[in-house]
């Protein structure tokens, strides 16, 4: 699925099943909550924290999809074409970081 398609699908879901978008501030708070859930799983699965009994049903892919869903909601609400934004962002990074990572001693094998 392309990003444009995802933005359209989320918009259709919101308008039919979700009734309407939460306001931008509410969605920003929800985005932070969802990112926190991803961070919690990452800290336990790849970091040094251990899973709790209440964590037995965690699903990293589902939590990442929640983050993406809310980010797409915010993009739709604010009129941002995420495909276009990503292309421009990668262009910016390619110019800014052309030699930065290559010259980073910490990244060398």
Protein backbone atom coordinates (compact mmCIF):
# COMPACT_ATOMS: atom_id res chain seq x y z
CA UNK A 1 0.00 0.00 0.00
CA UNK A 2 1.26 3.46 -0.81
CA UNK A 3 1.18 6.29 1.71
CA UNK A 4 -1.46 8.19 -0.32
CA UNK A 5 -3.67 5.12 -0.23
CA UNK A 6 -3.16 4.79 3.52
CA UNK A 7 -4.14 8.42 4.03
CA UNK A 8 -7.29 7.86 1.98
CA UNK A 9 -8.19 4.62 3.80
CA UNK A 10 -7.76 6.22 7.21
CA UNK A 11 -9.87 9.19 6.13
CA UNK A 12 -12.65 6.89 4.92
CA UNK A 13 -12.51 4.86 8.14
CA UNK A 14 -12.71 8.00 10.25
CA UNK A 15 -15.68 9.34 8.29
CA UNK A 16 -17.63 6.07 8.46
CA UNK A 17 -16.61 4.12 11.57
CA UNK A 18 -14.91 6.81 13.62
CA UNK A 19 -17.64 9.40 12.89
CA UNK A 20 -15.16 12.32 12.88
CA UNK A 21 -11.55 13.14 13.68
CA UNK A 22 -10.62 13.99 17.25
CA UNK A 23 -9.21 17.51 17.30
CA UNK A 24 -5.53 17.97 16.51
CA UNK A 25 -4.48 18.46 20.13
CA UNK A 26 -6.29 15.30 21.24
CA UNK A 27 -4.72 13.33 18.39
CA UNK A 28 -1.29 14.69 19.33
CA UNK A 29 -1.80 13.44 22.88
CA UNK A 30 -2.99 10.07 21.55
CA UNK A 31 0.10 9.90 19.31
CA UNK A 32 2.35 10.43 22.32
CA UNK A 33 0.48 7.70 24.19
CA UNK A 34 0.89 5.26 21.29
CA UNK A 35 4.61 6.08 20.93
CA UNK A 36 4.94 5.39 24.66
CA UNK A 37 3.39 1.96 24.15
CA UNK A 38 5.95 1.20 21.44
CA UNK A 39 8.72 2.43 23.73
CA UNK A 40 7.48 0.19 26.53
CA UNK A 41 7.63 -2.90 24.30
CA UNK A 42 11.03 -1.95 22.90
CA UNK A 43 12.46 -1.45 26.40
CA UNK A 44 11.28 -4.90 27.38
CA UNK A 45 11.94 -6.82 24.18
CA UNK A 46 15.27 -5.24 23.19
CA UNK A 47 16.30 -3.35 26.31
CA UNK A 48 17.05 -4.36 29.85
CA UNK A 49 13.55 -4.27 31.32
CA UNK A 50 11.65 -7.49 31.83
CA UNK A 51 8.09 -8.16 30.73
CA UNK A 52 5.35 -8.04 33.35
CA UNK A 53 2.53 -10.56 33.46
CA UNK A 54 0.24 -7.86 32.04
CA UNK A 55 2.54 -7.63 28.98
CA UNK A 56 1.86 -11.17 27.74
CA UNK A 57 -0.40 -10.02 24.91
CA UNK A 58 1.79 -7.19 23.55
CA UNK A 59 2.17 -6.94 19.80
CA UNK A 60 4.87 -4.57 18.55
CA UNK A 61 3.57 -4.51 14.97
CA UNK A 62 0.08 -3.58 16.14
CA UNK A 63 1.42 -0.81 18.37
CA UNK A 64 3.53 0.59 15.51
CA UNK A 65 0.42 0.51 13.32
CA UNK A 66 -1.40 2.51 16.00
CA UNK A 67 1.35 5.15 15.82
CA UNK A 68 1.10 5.25 12.03
CA UNK A 69 -2.70 5.49 12.14
CA UNK A 70 -2.70 8.51 14.44
CA UNK A 71 0.14 10.17 12.51
CA UNK A 72 -1.90 9.74 9.33
CA UNK A 73 -4.93 11.23 11.10
CA UNK A 74 -2.88 14.30 12.01
CA UNK A 75 -1.53 14.60 8.47
CA UNK A 76 -5.04 14.38 7.04
CA UNK A 77 -6.33 16.98 9.49
CA UNK A 78 -3.56 19.43 8.74
CA UNK A 79 -3.56 18.95 4.96
CA UNK A 80 -0.15 17.29 4.76
CA UNK A 81 0.59 14.88 1.94
CA UNK A 82 2.88 12.44 3.74
CA UNK A 83 4.29 11.04 0.48
CA UNK A 84 5.41 14.49 -0.60
CA UNK A 85 6.65 15.35 2.89
CA UNK A 86 8.73 12.17 3.09
CA UNK A 87 10.34 12.78 -0.31
CA UNK A 88 11.26 16.35 0.69
CA UNK A 89 12.55 15.15 4.06
CA UNK A 90 14.79 12.53 2.45
CA UNK A 91 16.12 15.14 0.01
CA UNK A 92 16.95 17.41 2.97
CA UNK A 93 18.66 14.59 4.83
CA UNK A 94 20.62 13.54 1.74
CA UNK A 95 22.08 17.03 1.38
CA UNK A 96 22.60 17.69 5.08
CA UNK A 97 24.03 14.27 5.91
CA UNK A 98 25.90 13.55 2.66
CA UNK A 99 29.14 12.86 4.52
CA UNK A 100 28.07 13.05 8.15
CA UNK A 101 27.44 9.35 8.76
CA UNK A 102 30.24 8.17 6.51
CA UNK A 103 32.68 10.23 8.60
CA UNK A 104 31.26 9.13 11.95
CA UNK A 105 33.86 6.96 13.69
CA UNK A 106 31.16 5.46 15.91
CA UNK A 107 29.45 3.92 12.85
CA UNK A 108 32.49 2.28 11.33
CA UNK A 109 32.74 -1.52 11.64
